[in-house]
PDB file of N, CA and C in Angstrom:
ATOM      1  N   MET A   1       0.836  -1.173   0.000  1.00  0.00           N
ATOM      2  CA  MET A   1       0.000   0.000   0.000  1.00  0.00           C
ATOM      3  C   MET A   1       0.888   1.245   0.000  1.00  0.00           C
ATOM      4  N   ASN A   2       0.623   2.149  -0.932  1.00  0.00           N
ATOM      5  CA  ASN A   2       1.406   3.385  -1.040  1.00  0.00           C
ATOM      6  C   ASN A   2       0.789   4.466  -0.165  1.00  0.00           C
ATOM      7  N   THR A   3       1.616   5.057   0.646  1.00  0.00           N
ATOM      8  CA  THR A   3       1.152   6.189   1.454  1.00  0.00           C
ATOM      9  C   THR A   3       1.903   7.433   1.011  1.00  0.00           C
ATOM     10  N   ILE A   4       1.191   8.537   1.019  1.00  0.00           N
ATOM     11  CA  ILE A   4       1.787   9.805   0.618  1.00  0.00           C
ATOM     12  C   ILE A   4       2.140  10.586   1.876  1.00  0.00           C
ATOM     13  N   VAL A   5       3.372  10.945   1.955  1.00  0.00           N
ATOM     14  CA  VAL A   5       3.843  11.754   3.065  1.00  0.00           C
ATOM     15  C   VAL A   5       3.826  13.210   2.593  1.00  0.00           C
ATOM     16  N   LEU A   6       3.429  14.128   3.478  1.00  0.00           N
ATOM     17  CA  LEU A   6       3.322  15.525   3.079  1.00  0.00           C
ATOM     18  C   LEU A   6       4.635  16.108   2.582  1.00  0.00           C
ATOM     19  N   THR A   7       5.748  15.580   3.029  1.00  0.00           N
ATOM     20  CA  THR A   7       7.029  16.091   2.544  1.00  0.00           C
ATOM     21  C   THR A   7       7.298  15.666   1.112  1.00  0.00           C
ATOM     22  N   ASP A   8       6.578  14.671   0.629  1.00  0.00           N
ATOM     23  CA  ASP A   8       6.740  14.223  -0.745  1.00  0.00           C
ATOM     24  C   ASP A   8       5.922  15.053  -1.725  1.00  0.00           C
ATOM     25  N   VAL A   9       4.993  15.849  -1.228  1.00  0.00           N
ATOM     26  CA  VAL A   9       4.118  16.643  -2.083  1.00  0.00           C
ATOM     27  C   VAL A   9       4.699  18.045  -2.218  1.00  0.00           C
ATOM     28  N   ASP A  10       4.774  18.543  -3.444  1.00  0.00           N
ATOM     29  CA  ASP A  10       5.289  19.879  -3.702  1.00  0.00           C
ATOM     30  C   ASP A  10       4.115  20.862  -3.749  1.00  0.00           C
ATOM     31  N   PHE A  11       3.954  21.625  -2.683  1.00  0.00           N
ATOM     32  CA  PHE A  11       2.861  22.585  -2.596  1.00  0.00           C
ATOM     33  C   PHE A  11       3.207  23.930  -3.233  1.00  0.00           C
ATOM     34  N   TYR A  12       4.461  24.146  -3.567  1.00  0.00           N
ATOM     35  CA  TYR A  12       4.886  25.458  -4.059  1.00  0.00           C
ATOM     36  C   TYR A  12       4.135  25.907  -5.315  1.00  0.00           C
ATOM     37  N   PRO A  13       3.898  25.039  -6.311  1.00  0.00           N
ATOM     38  CA  PRO A  13       3.135  25.492  -7.486  1.00  0.00           C
ATOM     39  C   PRO A  13       1.709  25.924  -7.151  1.00  0.00           C
ATOM     40  N   VAL A  14       1.161  25.392  -6.091  1.00  0.00           N
ATOM     41  CA  VAL A  14      -0.191  25.764  -5.688  1.00  0.00           C
ATOM     42  C   VAL A  14      -0.167  27.063  -4.881  1.00  0.00           C
ATOM     43  N   ILE A  15       0.819  27.201  -4.025  1.00  0.00           N
ATOM     44  CA  ILE A  15       0.876  28.344  -3.112  1.00  0.00           C
ATOM     45  C   ILE A  15       1.449  29.584  -3.792  1.00  0.00           C
ATOM     46  N   GLN A  16       2.320  29.422  -4.773  1.00  0.00           N
ATOM     47  CA  GLN A  16       2.972  30.560  -5.429  1.00  0.00           C
ATOM     48  C   GLN A  16       1.973  31.555  -6.021  1.00  0.00           C
ATOM     49  N   PRO A  17       0.958  31.132  -6.781  1.00  0.00           N
ATOM     50  CA  PRO A  17       0.004  32.124  -7.303  1.00  0.00           C
ATOM     51  C   PRO A  17      -0.767  32.845  -6.191  1.00  0.00           C
ATOM     52  N   ILE A  18      -1.052  32.148  -5.116  1.00  0.00           N
ATOM     53  CA  ILE A  18      -1.756  32.775  -3.993  1.00  0.00           C
ATOM     54  C   ILE A  18      -0.882  33.851  -3.364  1.00  0.00           C
ATOM     55  N   LEU A  19       0.400  33.558  -3.183  1.00  0.00           N
ATOM     56  CA  LEU A  19       1.319  34.541  -2.620  1.00  0.00           C
ATOM     57  C   LEU A  19       1.490  35.746  -3.542  1.00  0.00           C
ATOM     58  N   GLU A  20       1.525  35.512  -4.844  1.00  0.00           N
ATOM     59  CA  GLU A  20       1.650  36.611  -5.800  1.00  0.00           C
ATOM     60  C   GLU A  20       0.418  37.510  -5.776  1.00  0.00           C
ATOM     61  N   ILE A  21      -0.757  36.916  -5.706  1.00  0.00           N
ATOM     62  CA  ILE A  21      -1.993  37.698  -5.636  1.00  0.00           C
ATOM     63  C   ILE A  21      -2.044  38.490  -4.341  1.00  0.00           C
ATOM     64  N   LEU A  22      -1.691  37.850  -3.247  1.00  0.00           N
ATOM     65  CA  LEU A  22      -1.678  38.528  -1.952  1.00  0.00           C
ATOM     66  C   LEU A  22      -0.693  39.689  -1.965  1.00  0.00           C
ATOM     67  N   ASP A  23       0.467  39.475  -2.527  1.00  0.00           N
ATOM     68  CA  ASP A  23       1.473  40.537  -2.606  1.00  0.00           C
ATOM     69  C   ASP A  23       0.983  41.687  -3.487  1.00  0.00           C
ATOM     70  N   ALA A  24       0.289  41.375  -4.569  1.00  0.00           N
ATOM     71  CA  ALA A  24      -0.218  42.412  -5.469  1.00  0.00           C
ATOM     72  C   ALA A  24      -1.368  43.200  -4.851  1.00  0.00           C
ATOM     73  N   ILE A  25      -2.143  42.582  -3.985  1.00  0.00           N
ATOM     74  CA  ILE A  25      -3.302  43.243  -3.384  1.00  0.00           C
ATOM     75  C   ILE A  25      -2.901  44.151  -2.222  1.00  0.00           C
ATOM     76  N   LEU A  26      -1.804  43.865  -1.562  1.00  0.00           N
ATOM     77  CA  LEU A  26      -1.477  44.584  -0.330  1.00  0.00           C
ATOM     78  C   LEU A  26      -1.130  46.050  -0.552  1.00  0.00           C
ATOM     79  N   TRP A  27      -0.409  46.410  -1.610  1.00  0.00           N
ATOM     80  CA  TRP A  27      -0.095  47.832  -1.827  1.00  0.00           C
ATOM     81  C   TRP A  27      -1.345  48.653  -2.094  1.00  0.00           C
ATOM     82  N   PRO A  28      -2.264  48.204  -2.945  1.00  0.00           N
ATOM     83  CA  PRO A  28      -3.511  48.971  -3.086  1.00  0.00           C
ATOM     84  C   PRO A  28      -4.327  49.019  -1.786  1.00  0.00           C
ATOM     85  N   ALA A  29      -4.252  47.955  -0.994  1.00  0.00           N
ATOM     86  CA  ALA A  29      -4.972  47.963   0.286  1.00  0.00           C
ATOM     87  C   ALA A  29      -4.394  49.019   1.215  1.00  0.00           C
ATOM     88  N   ILE A  30      -3.075  49.154   1.232  1.00  0.00           N
ATOM     89  CA  ILE A  30      -2.439  50.187   2.057  1.00  0.00           C
ATOM     90  C   ILE A  30      -2.877  51.565   1.581  1.00  0.00           C
ATOM     91  N   ALA A  31      -2.882  51.779   0.283  1.00  0.00           N
ATOM     92  CA  ALA A  31      -3.302  53.074  -0.259  1.00  0.00           C
ATOM     93  C   ALA A  31      -4.756  53.379   0.086  1.00  0.00           C
ATOM     94  N   ASN A  32      -5.610  52.368  -0.002  1.00  0.00           N
ATOM     95  CA  ASN A  32      -7.024  52.580   0.333  1.00  0.00           C
ATOM     96  C   ASN A  32      -7.215  52.901   1.811  1.00  0.00           C
ATOM     97  N   VAL A  33      -6.513  52.210   2.667  1.00  0.00           N
ATOM     98  CA  VAL A  33      -6.630  52.470   4.108  1.00  0.00           C
ATOM     99  C   VAL A  33      -6.168  53.888   4.428  1.00  0.00           C
ATOM    100  N   VAL A  34      -5.050  54.296   3.847  1.00  0.00           N
ATOM    101  CA  VAL A  34      -4.550  55.648   4.094  1.00  0.00           C
ATOM    102  C   VAL A  34      -5.525  56.688   3.545  1.00  0.00           C
ATOM    103  N   GLY A  35      -6.031  56.481   2.337  1.00  0.00           N
ATOM    104  CA  GLY A  35      -6.960  57.438   1.733  1.00  0.00           C
ATOM    105  C   GLY A  35      -8.268  57.547   2.490  1.00  0.00           C
ATOM    106  N   VAL A  36      -8.882  56.419   2.748  1.00  0.00           N
ATOM    107  CA  VAL A  36     -10.166  56.420   3.461  1.00  0.00           C
ATOM    108  C   VAL A  36      -9.981  56.934   4.884  1.00  0.00           C
ATOM    109  N   GLY A  37      -8.905  56.527   5.533  1.00  0.00           N
ATOM    110  CA  GLY A  37      -8.648  56.979   6.897  1.00  0.00           C
ATOM    111  C   GLY A  37      -8.461  58.483   6.975  1.00  0.00           C
ATOM    112  N   THR A  38      -7.723  59.029   6.024  1.00  0.00           N
ATOM    113  CA  THR A  38      -7.500  60.469   6.002  1.00  0.00           C
ATOM    114  C   THR A  38      -8.802  61.234   5.776  1.00  0.00           C
ATOM    115  N   ILE A  39      -9.567  60.814   4.792  1.00  0.00           N
ATOM    116  CA  ILE A  39     -10.835  61.493   4.497  1.00  0.00           C
ATOM    117  C   ILE A  39     -11.794  61.388   5.679  1.00  0.00           C
ATOM    118  N   TYR A  40     -11.886  60.213   6.277  1.00  0.00           N
ATOM    119  CA  TYR A  40     -12.801  60.029   7.410  1.00  0.00           C
ATOM    120  C   TYR A  40     -12.368  60.858   8.619  1.00  0.00           C
ATOM    121  N   CYS A  41     -11.078  60.924   8.884  1.00  0.00           N
ATOM    122  CA  CYS A  41     -10.593  61.718  10.014  1.00  0.00           C
ATOM    123  C   CYS A  41     -10.799  63.214   9.767  1.00  0.00           C
ATOM    124  N   ILE A  42     -10.631  63.659   8.532  1.00  0.00           N
ATOM    125  CA  ILE A  42     -10.936  65.064   8.211  1.00  0.00           C
ATOM    126  C   ILE A  42     -12.415  65.339   8.417  1.00  0.00           C
ATOM    127  N   PHE A  43     -13.260  64.422   7.964  1.00  0.00           N
ATOM    128  CA  PHE A  43     -14.704  64.559   8.160  1.00  0.00           C
ATOM    129  C   PHE A  43     -15.044  64.662   9.651  1.00  0.00           C
ATOM    130  N   LEU A  44     -14.449  63.804  10.471  1.00  0.00           N
ATOM    131  CA  LEU A  44     -14.714  63.844  11.905  1.00  0.00           C
ATOM    132  C   LEU A  44     -14.163  65.120  12.545  1.00  0.00           C
ATOM    133  N   GLY A  45     -13.028  65.609  12.052  1.00  0.00           N
ATOM    134  CA  GLY A  45     -12.485  66.875  12.555  1.00  0.00           C
ATOM    135  C   GLY A  45     -13.399  68.044  12.251  1.00  0.00           C
ATOM    136  N   VAL A  46     -13.957  68.067  11.047  1.00  0.00           N
ATOM    137  CA  VAL A  46     -14.924  69.120  10.694  1.00  0.00           C
ATOM    138  C   VAL A  46     -16.174  68.993  11.558  1.00  0.00           C
ATOM    139  N   LYS A  47     -16.582  67.766  11.801  1.00  0.00           N
ATOM    140  CA  LYS A  47     -17.760  67.530  12.650  1.00  0.00           C
ATOM    141  C   LYS A  47     -17.514  68.064  14.064  1.00  0.00           C
ATOM    142  N   ILE A  48     -16.319  67.858  14.600  1.00  0.00           N
ATOM    143  CA  ILE A  48     -15.980  68.380  15.932  1.00  0.00           C
ATOM    144  C   ILE A  48     -16.051  69.904  15.939  1.00  0.00           C
ATOM    145  N   SER A  49     -15.545  70.525  14.889  1.00  0.00           N
ATOM    146  CA  SER A  49     -15.503  71.981  14.867  1.00  0.00           C
ATOM    147  C   SER A  49     -16.884  72.610  14.716  1.00  0.00           C
ATOM    148  N   LYS A  50     -17.828  71.884  14.142  1.00  0.00           N
ATOM    149  CA  LYS A  50     -19.167  72.434  13.921  1.00  0.00           C
ATOM    150  C   LYS A  50     -20.141  72.165  15.066  1.00  0.00           C
ATOM    151  N   VAL A  51     -19.792  71.267  15.965  1.00  0.00           N
ATOM    152  CA  VAL A  51     -20.705  70.884  17.037  1.00  0.00           C
ATOM    153  C   VAL A  51     -20.758  71.991  18.095  1.00  0.00           C
ATOM    154  N   ASP A  52     -21.975  72.320  18.533  1.00  0.00           N
ATOM    155  CA  ASP A  52     -22.152  73.365  19.533  1.00  0.00           C
ATOM    156  C   ASP A  52     -22.264  72.795  20.942  1.00  0.00           C
ATOM    157  N   GLU A  53     -22.901  71.669  21.091  1.00  0.00           N
ATOM    158  CA  GLU A  53     -23.135  71.095  22.421  1.00  0.00           C
ATOM    159  C   GLU A  53     -21.896  70.349  22.911  1.00  0.00           C
ATOM    160  N   GLN A  54     -21.662  70.416  24.220  1.00  0.00           N
ATOM    161  CA  GLN A  54     -20.481  69.772  24.814  1.00  0.00           C
ATOM    162  C   GLN A  54     -20.558  68.246  24.714  1.00  0.00           C
ATOM    163  N   ASN A  55     -21.760  67.686  24.933  1.00  0.00           N
ATOM    164  CA  ASN A  55     -21.916  66.224  24.859  1.00  0.00           C
ATOM    165  C   ASN A  55     -21.630  65.707  23.455  1.00  0.00           C
ATOM    166  N   SER A  56     -22.119  66.419  22.470  1.00  0.00           N
ATOM    167  CA  SER A  56     -21.882  66.011  21.086  1.00  0.00           C
ATOM    168  C   SER A  56     -20.409  66.164  20.727  1.00  0.00           C
ATOM    169  N   ARG A  57     -19.751  67.176  21.249  1.00  0.00           N
ATOM    170  CA  ARG A  57     -18.326  67.390  20.994  1.00  0.00           C
ATOM    171  C   ARG A  57     -17.501  66.244  21.587  1.00  0.00           C
ATOM    172  N   GLU A  58     -17.852  65.831  22.803  1.00  0.00           N
ATOM    173  CA  GLU A  58     -17.134  64.711  23.434  1.00  0.00           C
ATOM    174  C   GLU A  58     -17.332  63.417  22.645  1.00  0.00           C
ATOM    175  N   LYS A  59     -18.551  63.194  22.163  1.00  0.00           N
ATOM    176  CA  LYS A  59     -18.816  61.994  21.355  1.00  0.00           C
ATOM    177  C   LYS A  59     -18.027  62.045  20.052  1.00  0.00           C
ATOM    178  N   ALA A  60     -17.964  63.211  19.429  1.00  0.00           N
ATOM    179  CA  ALA A  60     -17.209  63.348  18.182  1.00  0.00           C
ATOM    180  C   ALA A  60     -15.712  63.141  18.433  1.00  0.00           C
ATOM    181  N   LYS A  61     -15.204  63.623  19.568  1.00  0.00           N
ATOM    182  CA  LYS A  61     -13.789  63.401  19.901  1.00  0.00           C
ATOM    183  C   LYS A  61     -13.508  61.915  20.085  1.00  0.00           C
ATOM    184  N   LYS A  62     -14.408  61.216  20.771  1.00  0.00           N
ATOM    185  CA  LYS A  62     -14.232  59.771  20.957  1.00  0.00           C
ATOM    186  C   LYS A  62     -14.268  59.044  19.619  1.00  0.00           C
ATOM    187  N   ASP A  63     -15.177  59.474  18.740  1.00  0.00           N
ATOM    188  CA  ASP A  63     -15.244  58.869  17.407  1.00  0.00           C
ATOM    189  C   ASP A  63     -13.942  59.085  16.638  1.00  0.00           C
ATOM    190  N   LEU A  64     -13.386  60.291  16.732  1.00  0.00           N
ATOM    191  CA  LEU A  64     -12.144  60.594  16.031  1.00  0.00           C
ATOM    192  C   LEU A  64     -10.981  59.779  16.595  1.00  0.00           C
ATOM    193  N   ILE A  65     -10.894  59.677  17.896  1.00  0.00           N
ATOM    194  CA  ILE A  65      -9.823  58.889  18.514  1.00  0.00           C
ATOM    195  C   ILE A  65      -9.947  57.418  18.119  1.00  0.00           C
ATOM    196  N   GLY A  66     -11.164  56.898  18.151  1.00  0.00           N
ATOM    197  CA  GLY A  66     -11.391  55.510  17.749  1.00  0.00           C
ATOM    198  C   GLY A  66     -11.049  55.270  16.283  1.00  0.00           C
ATOM    199  N   ALA A  67     -11.380  56.237  15.428  1.00  0.00           N
ATOM    200  CA  ALA A  67     -11.072  56.103  14.005  1.00  0.00           C
ATOM    201  C   ALA A  67      -9.568  56.117  13.770  1.00  0.00           C
ATOM    202  N   VAL A  68      -8.861  57.024  14.435  1.00  0.00           N
ATOM    203  CA  VAL A  68      -7.403  57.093  14.253  1.00  0.00           C
ATOM    204  C   VAL A  68      -6.750  55.804  14.729  1.00  0.00           C
ATOM    205  N   ILE A  69      -7.145  55.322  15.893  1.00  0.00           N
ATOM    206  CA  ILE A  69      -6.578  54.075  16.421  1.00  0.00           C
ATOM    207  C   ILE A  69      -6.892  52.908  15.477  1.00  0.00           C
ATOM    208  N   GLY A  70      -8.122  52.839  15.004  1.00  0.00           N
ATOM    209  CA  GLY A  70      -8.513  51.767  14.089  1.00  0.00           C
ATOM    210  C   GLY A  70      -7.741  51.781  12.787  1.00  0.00           C
ATOM    211  N   PHE A  71      -7.612  52.959  12.187  1.00  0.00           N
ATOM    212  CA  PHE A  71      -6.894  53.032  10.917  1.00  0.00           C
ATOM    213  C   PHE A  71      -5.404  52.770  11.089  1.00  0.00           C
ATOM    214  N   VAL A  72      -4.817  53.237  12.176  1.00  0.00           N
ATOM    215  CA  VAL A  72      -3.399  52.951  12.426  1.00  0.00           C
ATOM    216  C   VAL A  72      -3.202  51.447  12.624  1.00  0.00           C
ATOM    217  N   LEU A  73      -4.099  50.820  13.367  1.00  0.00           N
ATOM    218  CA  LEU A  73      -4.005  49.380  13.597  1.00  0.00           C
ATOM    219  C   LEU A  73      -4.122  48.601  12.288  1.00  0.00           C
ATOM    220  N   ILE A  74      -5.082  48.959  11.461  1.00  0.00           N
ATOM    221  CA  ILE A  74      -5.250  48.287  10.171  1.00  0.00           C
ATOM    222  C   ILE A  74      -4.014  48.490   9.302  1.00  0.00           C
ATOM    223  N   PHE A  75      -3.482  49.718   9.281  1.00  0.00           N
ATOM    224  CA  PHE A  75      -2.295  50.030   8.490  1.00  0.00           C
ATOM    225  C   PHE A  75      -1.101  49.190   8.937  1.00  0.00           C
ATOM    226  N   VAL A  76      -0.888  49.113  10.240  1.00  0.00           N
ATOM    227  CA  VAL A  76       0.238  48.340  10.778  1.00  0.00           C
ATOM    228  C   VAL A  76       0.071  46.853  10.463  1.00  0.00           C
ATOM    229  N   LEU A  77      -1.141  46.340  10.585  1.00  0.00           N
ATOM    230  CA  LEU A  77      -1.367  44.923  10.293  1.00  0.00           C
ATOM    231  C   LEU A  77      -1.149  44.600   8.815  1.00  0.00           C
ATOM    232  N   ILE A  78      -1.561  45.499   7.936  1.00  0.00           N
ATOM    233  CA  ILE A  78      -1.333  45.262   6.510  1.00  0.00           C
ATOM    234  C   ILE A  78       0.162  45.317   6.198  1.00  0.00           C
ATOM    235  N   LEU A  79       0.883  46.272   6.802  1.00  0.00           N
ATOM    236  CA  LEU A  79       2.331  46.329   6.595  1.00  0.00           C
ATOM    237  C   LEU A  79       3.017  45.068   7.119  1.00  0.00           C
ATOM    238  N   ALA A  80       2.563  44.577   8.262  1.00  0.00           N
ATOM    239  CA  ALA A  80       3.137  43.347   8.806  1.00  0.00           C
ATOM    240  C   ALA A  80       2.883  42.179   7.864  1.00  0.00           C
ATOM    241  N   LEU A  81       1.676  42.105   7.322  1.00  0.00           N
ATOM    242  CA  LEU A  81       1.363  41.039   6.368  1.00  0.00           C
ATOM    243  C   LEU A  81       2.212  41.181   5.112  1.00  0.00           C
ATOM    244  N   LYS A  82       2.408  42.413   4.658  1.00  0.00           N
ATOM    245  CA  LYS A  82       3.240  42.658   3.475  1.00  0.00           C
ATOM    246  C   LYS A  82       4.668  42.159   3.709  1.00  0.00           C
ATOM    247  N   ASN A  83       5.203  42.414   4.885  1.00  0.00           N
ATOM    248  CA  ASN A  83       6.549  41.950   5.200  1.00  0.00           C
ATOM    249  C   ASN A  83       6.606  40.439   5.389  1.00  0.00           C
ATOM    250  N   ASP A  84       5.544  39.848   5.891  1.00  0.00           N
ATOM    251  CA  ASP A  84       5.532  38.417   6.177  1.00  0.00           C
ATOM    252  C   ASP A  84       5.291  37.551   4.950  1.00  0.00           C
ATOM    253  N   VAL A  85       4.845  38.130   3.854  1.00  0.00           N
ATOM    254  CA  VAL A  85       4.621  37.334   2.646  1.00  0.00           C
ATOM    255  C   VAL A  85       5.943  36.752   2.156  1.00  0.00           C
ATOM    256  N   SER A  86       7.003  37.532   2.187  1.00  0.00           N
ATOM    257  CA  SER A  86       8.294  37.002   1.740  1.00  0.00           C
ATOM    258  C   SER A  86       8.811  35.925   2.693  1.00  0.00           C
ATOM    259  N   ILE A  87       8.573  36.102   3.981  1.00  0.00           N
ATOM    260  CA  ILE A  87       8.965  35.085   4.958  1.00  0.00           C
ATOM    261  C   ILE A  87       8.182  33.793   4.711  1.00  0.00           C
ATOM    262  N   LEU A  88       6.894  33.926   4.435  1.00  0.00           N
ATOM    263  CA  LEU A  88       6.052  32.764   4.144  1.00  0.00           C
ATOM    264  C   LEU A  88       6.520  32.070   2.875  1.00  0.00           C
ATOM    265  N   GLU A  89       6.877  32.844   1.865  1.00  0.00           N
ATOM    266  CA  GLU A  89       7.358  32.258   0.615  1.00  0.00           C
ATOM    267  C   GLU A  89       8.665  31.504   0.829  1.00  0.00           C
ATOM    268  N   ASP A  90       9.578  32.073   1.601  1.00  0.00           N
ATOM    269  CA  ASP A  90      10.834  31.381   1.911  1.00  0.00           C
ATOM    270  C   ASP A  90      10.582  30.099   2.685  1.00  0.00           C
ATOM    271  N   TRP A  91       9.618  30.148   3.601  1.00  0.00           N
ATOM    272  CA  TRP A  91       9.300  28.958   4.374  1.00  0.00           C
ATOM    273  C   TRP A  91       8.743  27.857   3.491  1.00  0.00           C
ATOM    274  N   VAL A  92       7.864  28.227   2.551  1.00  0.00           N
ATOM    275  CA  VAL A  92       7.288  27.245   1.644  1.00  0.00           C
ATOM    276  C   VAL A  92       8.391  26.614   0.784  1.00  0.00           C
ATOM    277  N   LYS A  93       9.309  27.450   0.307  1.00  0.00           N
ATOM    278  CA  LYS A  93      10.416  26.919  -0.515  1.00  0.00           C
ATOM    279  C   LYS A  93      11.299  25.976   0.300  1.00  0.00           C
ATOM    280  N   SER A  94      11.491  26.283   1.567  1.00  0.00           N
ATOM    281  CA  SER A  94      12.354  25.436   2.402  1.00  0.00           C
ATOM    282  C   SER A  94      11.692  24.097   2.726  1.00  0.00           C
ATOM    283  N   GLN A  95      10.394  23.998   2.610  1.00  0.00           N
ATOM    284  CA  GLN A  95       9.680  22.762   2.925  1.00  0.00           C
ATOM    285  C   GLN A  95       9.722  21.769   1.773  1.00  0.00           C
ATOM    286  N   MET A  96      10.232  22.191   0.624  1.00  0.00           N
ATOM    287  CA  MET A  96      10.292  21.287  -0.528  1.00  0.00           C
ATOM    288  C   MET A  96      11.450  20.341  -0.403  1.00  0.00           C
TER     289      MET A  96
END
C-alpha cells in the first residue's frame, strides 16, 4: 500500500500564485486604508468643529480617537502582512 507523506508533495506550485496575488493586493490595500482613513478623520475633525453642544463634541472626539486608532491598527497589520509574505514564501520553498 502506497502512502503519501506531506514532505513528498510539492505545494509550491499551488501556493505561489496565492502569494503573488496577496502581494499584489497589499499595496492597493495600504493606499485605500490611508486614503479612506485620512478622508474620514478630516470629516470627523470638521464635525468636531461644527458641534455646539459639549456632549456632542465629546462623542465626536471619541469617534475621532477611535477612528485614528482603528486606521493605524489596520495600516500596521497590513504592513506586517506585506513583510511576512516574503517570509512565508521562503518557508514554503524550504519545505520542498
